Amino acid sequence: MSGDAKPPCEPIRMVFELTRADHPRLYDDLIRFPKGTKRINRLRVLAYDGLLVQGGQLVAAGAHGPSSHMQREAGGTLTNDLFTPSLSE
């Protein structure tokens, strides 16, 4: 088996219990949906969005983490370079 072989794509089944005391915001968000497909789909969306944010592919609105700080610095550098003397002088 080579190093880039993918594991078999088996479905993952999970059963878990969530109380409001554990994660109030998550609980409040999920409880607005009736039991079943709608609630499961909402949990899938939240999990996938969280995975994208964690991987840096999606920036959370209002985030003040390292990635947004670096973007602000890069923009400032570009703006400051606009006012430097031209190369032809």
Protein backbone atom coordinates (compact mmCIF):
# COMPACT_ATOMS: atom_id res chain seq x y z
CA MET A 1 0.00 0.00 0.00
CA SER A 2 1.43 3.40 -0.95
CA GLY A 3 1.61 6.41 1.39
CA ASP A 4 -1.04 8.37 -0.52
CA ALA A 5 -3.71 5.64 -0.46
CA LYS A 6 -6.99 6.80 1.02
CA PRO A 7 -8.75 4.87 3.77
CA PRO A 8 -12.11 3.34 2.83
CA CYS A 9 -14.98 5.85 2.91
CA GLU A 10 -17.14 4.26 5.55
CA PRO A 11 -20.00 6.22 7.07
CA ILE A 12 -19.40 7.54 10.57
CA ARG A 13 -22.22 7.10 13.04
CA MET A 14 -22.18 9.11 16.24
CA VAL A 15 -24.53 9.33 19.16
CA PHE A 16 -23.80 12.02 21.72
CA GLU A 17 -25.51 13.91 24.47
CA LEU A 18 -25.25 17.68 24.78
CA THR A 19 -26.48 19.63 27.76
CA ARG A 20 -26.87 23.37 27.91
CA ALA A 21 -24.36 23.49 30.77
CA ASP A 22 -21.68 22.03 28.46
CA HIS A 23 -21.99 24.52 25.58
CA PRO A 24 -24.85 27.01 26.00
CA ARG A 25 -24.49 28.74 22.60
CA LEU A 26 -24.31 25.46 20.69
CA TYR A 27 -27.20 24.01 22.65
CA ASP A 28 -29.38 27.10 22.06
CA ASP A 29 -28.61 27.04 18.34
CA LEU A 30 -29.41 23.34 17.92
CA ILE A 31 -32.51 23.24 20.13
CA ARG A 32 -34.38 25.61 17.79
CA PHE A 33 -34.62 22.76 15.26
CA PRO A 34 -36.88 19.76 15.74
CA LYS A 35 -35.27 16.39 16.37
CA GLY A 36 -34.04 14.68 13.25
CA THR A 37 -32.69 15.74 9.90
CA LYS A 38 -32.83 19.51 10.34
CA ARG A 39 -30.91 19.43 13.61
CA ILE A 40 -28.33 16.99 12.23
CA ASN A 41 -27.83 19.12 9.11
CA ARG A 42 -27.32 22.23 11.25
CA LEU A 43 -24.69 20.39 13.29
CA ARG A 44 -22.96 19.31 10.06
CA VAL A 45 -22.86 22.91 8.82
CA LEU A 46 -21.45 24.18 12.12
CA ALA A 47 -18.84 21.43 12.21
CA TYR A 48 -17.76 22.03 8.61
CA ASP A 49 -17.56 25.81 9.06
CA GLY A 50 -15.52 25.27 12.21
CA LEU A 51 -13.16 23.01 10.29
CA LEU A 52 -12.70 25.66 7.59
CA VAL A 53 -12.01 28.36 10.19
CA GLN A 54 -9.54 26.13 12.00
CA GLY A 55 -7.75 25.38 8.72
CA GLY A 56 -7.56 29.07 7.84
CA GLN A 57 -9.71 28.72 4.72
CA LEU A 58 -12.52 30.79 6.21
CA VAL A 59 -12.13 33.83 8.45
CA ALA A 60 -14.78 34.30 11.09
CA ALA A 61 -16.56 37.66 10.97
CA GLY A 62 -15.08 40.07 13.49
CA ALA A 63 -12.07 37.82 14.10
CA HIS A 64 -9.11 39.59 15.62
CA GLY A 65 -6.70 36.66 15.43
CA PRO A 66 -3.26 36.48 13.86
CA SER A 67 -4.54 36.12 10.30
CA SER A 68 -6.56 39.36 10.37
CA HIS A 69 -3.65 41.18 12.03
CA MET A 70 -1.29 40.01 9.29
CA GLN A 71 -3.73 41.15 6.62
CA ARG A 72 -3.91 44.63 8.17
CA GLU A 73 -0.11 44.85 8.28
CA ALA A 74 0.25 43.76 4.66
CA GLY A 75 -2.28 46.39 3.57
CA GLY A 76 -0.43 49.09 5.50
CA THR A 77 2.87 48.14 3.90
CA LEU A 78 1.37 48.36 0.44
CA THR A 79 -0.17 51.76 1.18
CA ASN A 80 3.06 53.11 2.65
CA ASP A 81 5.03 52.01 -0.42
CA LEU A 82 2.79 54.12 -2.64
CA PHE A 83 4.36 57.25 -1.20
CA THR A 84 8.04 56.27 -1.54
CA PRO A 85 10.21 57.96 -4.20
CA SER A 86 9.96 56.42 -7.65
CA LEU A 87 12.76 54.25 -9.01
CA SER A 88 13.45 56.66 -11.93
CA GLU A 89 14.55 59.54 -9.68
